[in-house]
Amino acid sequence: MQAYAALRRFPDTPMIDFAAARRMMVDGQIRTSDVTDLRIISAMLDIPREKFLPPEQASFAYFDLDVPASTAAPPRRLLKPMVLAKLIQAAEIAHSDVVLDVGCASGYSTAVLARLARSVIALEEDAALAQRAAENLRDLGAVGTQVVTNALGAGWPPGAAYDVIFLNGAFETMPAALLRQLKEGGRLVGVKGCPPAGKAMLYRSISGEVSGRPIFDATAPLLPGFVQSPTFVF
């Protein structure tokens, strides 16, 4: 964290070797967290995460942090690299799968998912972020991706049913509308619970019923549309 503090004091630190930082992220955060899918490792080694962040946040791209992807208040964030990688691995994405990436923010998760799946629909409710995601994915040359705008909690019914639904953040309320958009045998992954506590969850749709189980301890920023309404105690 000393390095993080230094970067906060000197956000314009020049000459960062992002390629070396990317390798250190994969070796120190991804491989050491039991991520063994070589497709995920290869994608995270190749894709320039710093390009998906505002310039003033690029220095933090490879830290073990949920990094702000926007300057809006409250800012939307990219998931920690380790949490992102482990969630994707748990989804067991096949080359033939169609994936819905919910809360894609600036598009980094979509770029990683696109390396594994046949196609990815990137869902974002913030129009400015959706435009940035589309531009980032186009600049990267990501194939099989489409960015759409809709309320995150509503999903994207025109593209259903999905083999995998990936939640780019945490939820307090069950994503019922999303679960209905899964194919038979489809999987939904995300983090359940409000920071600082949470569990990464894997849900499966089998014979019209959905069951879920915790897969590892994790925290993530809450996604809009998945926050529990306050309750009043008398």
C-alpha atoms as a PDB file:
ATOM      1  CA  MET A   1       0.000   0.000   0.000  1.00  0.00           C
ATOM      2  CA  GLN A   2       3.035   2.322   0.275  1.00  0.00           C
ATOM      3  CA  ALA A   3       3.276   2.369  -3.512  1.00  0.00           C
ATOM      4  CA  TYR A   4      -0.435   3.189  -3.733  1.00  0.00           C
ATOM      5  CA  ALA A   5       0.036   6.104  -1.331  1.00  0.00           C
ATOM      6  CA  ALA A   6       2.934   7.363  -3.405  1.00  0.00           C
ATOM      7  CA  LEU A   7       0.877   7.254  -6.581  1.00  0.00           C
ATOM      8  CA  ARG A   8      -1.877   9.181  -4.871  1.00  0.00           C
ATOM      9  CA  ARG A   9       0.598  11.923  -3.999  1.00  0.00           C
ATOM     10  CA  PHE A  10       2.093  11.905  -7.488  1.00  0.00           C
ATOM     11  CA  PRO A  11      -0.729  10.900  -9.867  1.00  0.00           C
ATOM     12  CA  ASP A  12       1.209  12.098 -12.918  1.00  0.00           C
ATOM     13  CA  THR A  13       4.137   9.732 -12.345  1.00  0.00           C
ATOM     14  CA  PRO A  14       5.659   9.312 -15.853  1.00  0.00           C
ATOM     15  CA  MET A  15       7.120   6.326 -17.658  1.00  0.00           C
ATOM     16  CA  ILE A  16       5.036   3.562 -16.120  1.00  0.00           C
ATOM     17  CA  ASP A  17       5.822   0.239 -17.797  1.00  0.00           C
ATOM     18  CA  PHE A  18       2.245  -0.993 -18.115  1.00  0.00           C
ATOM     19  CA  ALA A  19       3.268  -4.245 -19.814  1.00  0.00           C
ATOM     20  CA  ALA A  20       5.497  -5.131 -16.853  1.00  0.00           C
ATOM     21  CA  ALA A  21       2.765  -4.099 -14.416  1.00  0.00           C
ATOM     22  CA  ARG A  22       0.335  -6.352 -16.285  1.00  0.00           C
ATOM     23  CA  ARG A  23       2.667  -9.322 -15.951  1.00  0.00           C
ATOM     24  CA  MET A  24       3.131  -8.612 -12.234  1.00  0.00           C
ATOM     25  CA  MET A  25      -0.656  -8.454 -11.786  1.00  0.00           C
ATOM     26  CA  VAL A  26      -1.119 -11.831 -13.444  1.00  0.00           C
ATOM     27  CA  ASP A  27       1.763 -13.474 -11.590  1.00  0.00           C
ATOM     28  CA  GLY A  28       1.008 -11.925  -8.194  1.00  0.00           C
ATOM     29  CA  GLN A  29      -2.789 -11.691  -8.146  1.00  0.00           C
ATOM     30  CA  ILE A  30      -4.230 -14.111 -10.717  1.00  0.00           C
ATOM     31  CA  ARG A  31      -2.030 -17.206 -10.791  1.00  0.00           C
ATOM     32  CA  THR A  32      -1.689 -17.188  -6.986  1.00  0.00           C
ATOM     33  CA  SER A  33      -5.496 -17.243  -6.601  1.00  0.00           C
ATOM     34  CA  ASP A  34      -5.968 -20.655  -8.233  1.00  0.00           C
ATOM     35  CA  VAL A  35      -6.938 -19.243 -11.610  1.00  0.00           C
ATOM     36  CA  THR A  36      -5.742 -21.979 -13.959  1.00  0.00           C
ATOM     37  CA  ASP A  37      -7.757 -21.293 -17.124  1.00  0.00           C
ATOM     38  CA  LEU A  38      -5.032 -20.333 -19.590  1.00  0.00           C
ATOM     39  CA  ARG A  39      -7.528 -18.415 -21.743  1.00  0.00           C
ATOM     40  CA  ILE A  40      -8.225 -16.021 -18.856  1.00  0.00           C
ATOM     41  CA  ILE A  41      -4.532 -15.658 -18.049  1.00  0.00           C
ATOM     42  CA  SER A  42      -3.714 -14.963 -21.695  1.00  0.00           C
ATOM     43  CA  ALA A  43      -6.504 -12.371 -21.994  1.00  0.00           C
ATOM     44  CA  MET A  44      -5.427 -10.537 -18.859  1.00  0.00           C
ATOM     45  CA  LEU A  45      -1.820 -10.530 -20.039  1.00  0.00           C
ATOM     46  CA  ASP A  46      -2.808  -9.078 -23.410  1.00  0.00           C
ATOM     47  CA  ILE A  47      -5.580  -6.573 -22.702  1.00  0.00           C
ATOM     48  CA  PRO A  48      -4.378  -3.103 -21.603  1.00  0.00           C
ATOM     49  CA  ARG A  49      -6.531  -2.495 -18.532  1.00  0.00           C
ATOM     50  CA  GLU A  50      -5.161   1.045 -18.225  1.00  0.00           C
ATOM     51  CA  LYS A  51      -6.899   1.992 -21.491  1.00  0.00           C
ATOM     52  CA  PHE A  52     -10.291   1.367 -19.846  1.00  0.00           C
ATOM     53  CA  LEU A  53      -9.699   3.926 -17.087  1.00  0.00           C
ATOM     54  CA  PRO A  54      -9.772   7.718 -16.987  1.00  0.00           C
ATOM     55  CA  PRO A  55      -6.228   9.067 -17.499  1.00  0.00           C
ATOM     56  CA  GLU A  56      -5.933  10.132 -13.866  1.00  0.00           C
ATOM     57  CA  GLN A  57      -6.687   6.548 -12.733  1.00  0.00           C
ATOM     58  CA  ALA A  58      -4.451   4.693 -15.195  1.00  0.00           C
ATOM     59  CA  SER A  59      -1.611   4.460 -12.650  1.00  0.00           C
ATOM     60  CA  PHE A  60      -3.836   2.235 -10.494  1.00  0.00           C
ATOM     61  CA  ALA A  61      -4.808  -0.161 -13.295  1.00  0.00           C
ATOM     62  CA  TYR A  62      -2.884  -3.166 -11.980  1.00  0.00           C
ATOM     63  CA  PHE A  63      -3.289  -2.672  -8.241  1.00  0.00           C
ATOM     64  CA  ASP A  64      -5.408  -5.069  -6.175  1.00  0.00           C
ATOM     65  CA  LEU A  65      -8.227  -2.501  -6.137  1.00  0.00           C
ATOM     66  CA  ASP A  66     -11.705  -1.789  -7.483  1.00  0.00           C
ATOM     67  CA  VAL A  67     -10.541   1.135  -9.626  1.00  0.00           C
ATOM     68  CA  PRO A  68     -12.910   3.984 -10.634  1.00  0.00           C
ATOM     69  CA  ALA A  69     -13.877   3.690 -14.298  1.00  0.00           C
ATOM     70  CA  SER A  70     -15.715   7.005 -14.326  1.00  0.00           C
ATOM     71  CA  THR A  71     -15.537  10.411 -12.703  1.00  0.00           C
ATOM     72  CA  ALA A  72     -19.259  10.453 -11.889  1.00  0.00           C
ATOM     73  CA  ALA A  73     -20.367  10.468  -8.259  1.00  0.00           C
ATOM     74  CA  PRO A  74     -20.470   7.818  -6.977  1.00  0.00           C
ATOM     75  CA  PRO A  75     -17.951   6.441  -9.481  1.00  0.00           C
ATOM     76  CA  ARG A  76     -18.466   3.096 -11.188  1.00  0.00           C
ATOM     77  CA  ARG A  77     -15.490   0.792 -10.747  1.00  0.00           C
ATOM     78  CA  LEU A  78     -13.672  -2.050 -12.453  1.00  0.00           C
ATOM     79  CA  LEU A  79     -13.624  -5.170 -10.302  1.00  0.00           C
ATOM     80  CA  LYS A  80     -10.386  -6.194  -8.629  1.00  0.00           C
ATOM     81  CA  PRO A  81      -8.441  -8.327 -11.131  1.00  0.00           C
ATOM     82  CA  MET A  82      -8.488 -11.382  -8.851  1.00  0.00           C
ATOM     83  CA  VAL A  83     -12.254 -11.210  -8.254  1.00  0.00           C
ATOM     84  CA  LEU A  84     -12.906 -10.719 -11.964  1.00  0.00           C
ATOM     85  CA  ALA A  85     -10.720 -13.659 -12.971  1.00  0.00           C
ATOM     86  CA  LYS A  86     -12.109 -16.076 -10.370  1.00  0.00           C
ATOM     87  CA  LEU A  87     -15.718 -15.201 -11.220  1.00  0.00           C
ATOM     88  CA  ILE A  88     -15.074 -15.732 -14.919  1.00  0.00           C
ATOM     89  CA  GLN A  89     -13.367 -19.060 -14.244  1.00  0.00           C
ATOM     90  CA  ALA A  90     -16.296 -20.204 -12.066  1.00  0.00           C
ATOM     91  CA  ALA A  91     -18.701 -19.513 -14.950  1.00  0.00           C
ATOM     92  CA  GLU A  92     -16.947 -22.182 -17.067  1.00  0.00           C
ATOM     93  CA  ILE A  93     -17.450 -20.269 -20.311  1.00  0.00           C
ATOM     94  CA  ALA A  94     -17.317 -22.362 -23.497  1.00  0.00           C
ATOM     95  CA  HIS A  95     -16.324 -21.099 -26.948  1.00  0.00           C
ATOM     96  CA  SER A  96     -19.944 -21.529 -28.079  1.00  0.00           C
ATOM     97  CA  ASP A  97     -21.484 -19.527 -25.189  1.00  0.00           C
ATOM     98  CA  VAL A  98     -23.477 -16.308 -25.395  1.00  0.00           C
ATOM     99  CA  VAL A  99     -22.713 -14.048 -22.402  1.00  0.00           C
ATOM    100  CA  LEU A 100     -24.527 -11.050 -20.911  1.00  0.00           C
ATOM    101  CA  ASP A 101     -22.067  -8.738 -19.131  1.00  0.00           C
ATOM    102  CA  VAL A 102     -24.171  -6.714 -16.672  1.00  0.00           C
ATOM    103  CA  GLY A 103     -22.689  -3.379 -15.626  1.00  0.00           C
ATOM    104  CA  CYS A 104     -19.873  -3.458 -18.162  1.00  0.00           C
ATOM    105  CA  ALA A 105     -18.745   0.086 -17.202  1.00  0.00           C
ATOM    106  CA  SER A 106     -15.932   1.035 -19.614  1.00  0.00           C
ATOM    107  CA  GLY A 107     -15.810  -2.435 -21.208  1.00  0.00           C
ATOM    108  CA  TYR A 108     -12.769  -4.158 -19.694  1.00  0.00           C
ATOM    109  CA  SER A 109     -14.683  -7.202 -18.453  1.00  0.00           C
ATOM    110  CA  THR A 110     -16.380  -7.490 -21.849  1.00  0.00           C
ATOM    111  CA  ALA A 111     -12.991  -7.539 -23.551  1.00  0.00           C
ATOM    112  CA  VAL A 112     -11.841 -10.404 -21.315  1.00  0.00           C
ATOM    113  CA  LEU A 113     -15.094 -12.339 -21.718  1.00  0.00           C
ATOM    114  CA  ALA A 114     -14.938 -11.940 -25.496  1.00  0.00           C
ATOM    115  CA  ARG A 115     -11.708 -13.972 -25.527  1.00  0.00           C
ATOM    116  CA  LEU A 116     -13.635 -16.947 -24.117  1.00  0.00           C
ATOM    117  CA  ALA A 117     -17.181 -16.790 -25.525  1.00  0.00           C
ATOM    118  CA  ARG A 118     -18.798 -16.805 -28.952  1.00  0.00           C
ATOM    119  CA  SER A 119     -20.444 -13.443 -28.293  1.00  0.00           C
ATOM    120  CA  VAL A 120     -20.881 -10.953 -25.447  1.00  0.00           C
ATOM    121  CA  ILE A 121     -23.659  -8.430 -24.948  1.00  0.00           C
ATOM    122  CA  ALA A 122     -22.335  -5.637 -22.734  1.00  0.00           C
ATOM    123  CA  LEU A 123     -25.131  -4.026 -20.715  1.00  0.00           C
ATOM    124  CA  GLU A 124     -24.703  -0.575 -19.195  1.00  0.00           C
ATOM    125  CA  GLU A 125     -27.334   1.879 -17.942  1.00  0.00           C
ATOM    126  CA  ASP A 126     -25.029   4.917 -17.927  1.00  0.00           C
ATOM    127  CA  ALA A 127     -25.151   6.222 -21.504  1.00  0.00           C
ATOM    128  CA  ALA A 128     -21.759   7.960 -21.285  1.00  0.00           C
ATOM    129  CA  LEU A 129     -20.092   4.810 -19.968  1.00  0.00           C
ATOM    130  CA  ALA A 130     -21.810   2.702 -22.626  1.00  0.00           C
ATOM    131  CA  GLN A 131     -20.396   4.973 -25.321  1.00  0.00           C
ATOM    132  CA  ARG A 132     -16.910   4.713 -23.792  1.00  0.00           C
ATOM    133  CA  ALA A 133     -17.225   0.935 -23.633  1.00  0.00           C
ATOM    134  CA  ALA A 134     -18.210   0.752 -27.287  1.00  0.00           C
ATOM    135  CA  GLU A 135     -15.270   2.973 -28.268  1.00  0.00           C
ATOM    136  CA  ASN A 136     -12.806   1.012 -26.137  1.00  0.00           C
ATOM    137  CA  LEU A 137     -13.947  -2.329 -27.544  1.00  0.00           C
ATOM    138  CA  ARG A 138     -13.803  -0.994 -31.098  1.00  0.00           C
ATOM    139  CA  ASP A 139     -10.289   0.392 -30.557  1.00  0.00           C
ATOM    140  CA  LEU A 140      -9.209  -2.956 -29.111  1.00  0.00           C
ATOM    141  CA  GLY A 141     -10.691  -4.839 -32.047  1.00  0.00           C
ATOM    142  CA  ALA A 142     -12.830  -7.002 -29.772  1.00  0.00           C
ATOM    143  CA  VAL A 143     -14.986  -9.259 -31.936  1.00  0.00           C
ATOM    144  CA  GLY A 144     -18.418 -10.638 -31.123  1.00  0.00           C
ATOM    145  CA  THR A 145     -19.311  -7.796 -28.758  1.00  0.00           C
ATOM    146  CA  GLN A 146     -22.322  -5.495 -28.655  1.00  0.00           C
ATOM    147  CA  VAL A 147     -22.923  -2.667 -26.158  1.00  0.00           C
ATOM    148  CA  VAL A 148     -26.549  -1.973 -25.180  1.00  0.00           C
ATOM    149  CA  THR A 149     -28.150   0.467 -22.754  1.00  0.00           C
ATOM    150  CA  ASN A 150     -30.863  -0.529 -20.274  1.00  0.00           C
ATOM    151  CA  ALA A 151     -31.513  -0.677 -16.537  1.00  0.00           C
ATOM    152  CA  LEU A 152     -29.049  -3.226 -15.147  1.00  0.00           C
ATOM    153  CA  GLY A 153     -31.674  -4.973 -13.037  1.00  0.00           C
ATOM    154  CA  ALA A 154     -33.824  -5.570 -16.110  1.00  0.00           C
ATOM    155  CA  GLY A 155     -31.098  -7.311 -18.085  1.00  0.00           C
ATOM    156  CA  TRP A 156     -31.431  -7.445 -21.857  1.00  0.00           C
ATOM    157  CA  PRO A 157     -34.410  -9.645 -22.842  1.00  0.00           C
ATOM    158  CA  PRO A 158     -33.936  -9.197 -26.637  1.00  0.00           C
ATOM    159  CA  GLY A 159     -30.711 -11.210 -26.445  1.00  0.00           C
ATOM    160  CA  ALA A 160     -31.966 -13.941 -24.114  1.00  0.00           C
ATOM    161  CA  ALA A 161     -31.578 -16.712 -23.343  1.00  0.00           C
ATOM    162  CA  TYR A 162     -27.958 -16.611 -22.158  1.00  0.00           C
ATOM    163  CA  ASP A 163     -25.476 -19.346 -21.354  1.00  0.00           C
ATOM    164  CA  VAL A 164     -23.752 -17.057 -18.835  1.00  0.00           C
ATOM    165  CA  ILE A 165     -24.729 -13.838 -17.089  1.00  0.00           C
ATOM    166  CA  PHE A 166     -21.820 -12.007 -15.493  1.00  0.00           C
ATOM    167  CA  LEU A 167     -22.540  -9.387 -12.797  1.00  0.00           C
ATOM    168  CA  ASN A 168     -19.821  -6.776 -12.670  1.00  0.00           C
ATOM    169  CA  GLY A 169     -20.310  -6.004  -9.006  1.00  0.00           C
ATOM    170  CA  ALA A 170     -22.270  -6.861  -5.889  1.00  0.00           C
ATOM    171  CA  PHE A 171     -25.982  -7.322  -5.323  1.00  0.00           C
ATOM    172  CA  GLU A 172     -28.071  -7.207  -2.157  1.00  0.00           C
ATOM    173  CA  THR A 173     -31.339  -8.282  -3.789  1.00  0.00           C
ATOM    174  CA  MET A 174     -31.711 -11.433  -5.864  1.00  0.00           C
ATOM    175  CA  PRO A 175     -31.410 -10.639  -9.579  1.00  0.00           C
ATOM    176  CA  ALA A 176     -34.709 -12.355 -10.394  1.00  0.00           C
ATOM    177  CA  ALA A 177     -35.177 -10.775 -13.842  1.00  0.00           C
ATOM    178  CA  LEU A 178     -31.680 -11.865 -14.844  1.00  0.00           C
ATOM    179  CA  LEU A 179     -32.141 -15.410 -13.627  1.00  0.00           C
ATOM    180  CA  ARG A 180     -35.196 -15.721 -15.877  1.00  0.00           C
ATOM    181  CA  GLN A 181     -32.967 -14.878 -18.854  1.00  0.00           C
ATOM    182  CA  LEU A 182     -30.715 -17.908 -18.381  1.00  0.00           C
ATOM    183  CA  LYS A 183     -30.792 -20.889 -20.707  1.00  0.00           C
ATOM    184  CA  GLU A 184     -31.320 -24.379 -19.368  1.00  0.00           C
ATOM    185  CA  GLY A 185     -27.999 -25.135 -17.689  1.00  0.00           C
ATOM    186  CA  GLY A 186     -27.051 -21.464 -17.747  1.00  0.00           C
ATOM    187  CA  ARG A 187     -24.873 -19.874 -15.074  1.00  0.00           C
ATOM    188  CA  LEU A 188     -24.963 -16.514 -13.310  1.00  0.00           C
ATOM    189  CA  VAL A 189     -21.997 -15.268 -11.289  1.00  0.00           C
ATOM    190  CA  GLY A 190     -21.614 -12.221  -9.069  1.00  0.00           C
ATOM    191  CA  VAL A 191     -20.876 -11.099  -5.524  1.00  0.00           C
ATOM    192  CA  LYS A 192     -23.677 -11.212  -2.959  1.00  0.00           C
ATOM    193  CA  GLY A 193     -23.538  -8.799  -0.033  1.00  0.00           C
ATOM    194  CA  CYS A 194     -22.674  -5.231   0.811  1.00  0.00           C
ATOM    195  CA  PRO A 195     -19.019  -4.296   1.344  1.00  0.00           C
ATOM    196  CA  PRO A 196     -16.982  -4.976   3.409  1.00  0.00           C
ATOM    197  CA  ALA A 197     -18.524  -8.480   3.551  1.00  0.00           C
ATOM    198  CA  GLY A 198     -19.565 -10.627   0.641  1.00  0.00           C
ATOM    199  CA  LYS A 199     -19.526 -13.997  -1.092  1.00  0.00           C
ATOM    200  CA  ALA A 200     -18.938 -14.740  -4.729  1.00  0.00           C
ATOM    201  CA  MET A 201     -21.917 -16.794  -5.895  1.00  0.00           C
ATOM    202  CA  LEU A 202     -22.566 -19.240  -8.715  1.00  0.00           C
ATOM    203  CA  TYR A 203     -26.184 -19.864  -9.770  1.00  0.00           C
ATOM    204  CA  ARG A 204     -27.363 -22.537 -12.219  1.00  0.00           C
ATOM    205  CA  SER A 205     -30.688 -22.932 -13.995  1.00  0.00           C
ATOM    206  CA  ILE A 206     -31.733 -26.584 -14.123  1.00  0.00           C
ATOM    207  CA  SER A 207     -35.185 -27.788 -15.192  1.00  0.00           C
ATOM    208  CA  GLY A 208     -36.682 -24.381 -14.590  1.00  0.00           C
ATOM    209  CA  GLU A 209     -35.265 -24.092 -11.070  1.00  0.00           C
ATOM    210  CA  VAL A 210     -32.313 -21.940 -10.028  1.00  0.00           C
ATOM    211  CA  SER A 211     -29.958 -22.935  -7.241  1.00  0.00           C
ATOM    212  CA  GLY A 212     -26.931 -21.065  -5.963  1.00  0.00           C
ATOM    213  CA  ARG A 213     -23.858 -21.725  -3.889  1.00  0.00           C
ATOM    214  CA  PRO A 214     -21.003 -19.612  -2.509  1.00  0.00           C
ATOM    215  CA  ILE A 215     -17.671 -20.174  -4.242  1.00  0.00           C
ATOM    216  CA  PHE A 216     -15.219 -17.836  -2.447  1.00  0.00           C
ATOM    217  CA  ASP A 217     -15.074 -14.822  -0.144  1.00  0.00           C
ATOM    218  CA  ALA A 218     -15.139 -11.552  -2.067  1.00  0.00           C
ATOM    219  CA  THR A 219     -16.193  -7.930  -1.945  1.00  0.00           C
ATOM    220  CA  ALA A 220     -17.270  -5.705  -4.817  1.00  0.00           C
ATOM    221  CA  PRO A 221     -18.982  -2.346  -5.282  1.00  0.00           C
ATOM    222  CA  LEU A 222     -22.773  -2.543  -5.301  1.00  0.00           C
ATOM    223  CA  LEU A 223     -24.341  -2.332  -8.738  1.00  0.00           C
ATOM    224  CA  PRO A 224     -27.178   0.137  -9.392  1.00  0.00           C
ATOM    225  CA  GLY A 225     -30.511  -1.655  -9.367  1.00  0.00           C
ATOM    226  CA  PHE A 226     -29.402  -4.355  -6.945  1.00  0.00           C
ATOM    227  CA  VAL A 227     -29.428  -2.361  -3.698  1.00  0.00           C
ATOM    228  CA  GLN A 228     -31.886  -3.411  -1.010  1.00  0.00           C
ATOM    229  CA  SER A 229     -34.482  -0.794  -0.092  1.00  0.00           C
ATOM    230  CA  PRO A 230     -34.145   0.563   3.458  1.00  0.00           C
ATOM    231  CA  THR A 231     -36.482  -0.994   6.006  1.00  0.00           C
ATOM    232  CA  PHE A 232     -38.029   0.793   8.945  1.00  0.00           C
ATOM    233  CA  VAL A 233     -38.148  -0.746  12.396  1.00  0.00           C
ATOM    234  CA  PHE A 234     -40.834   0.508  14.781  1.00  0.00           C
END
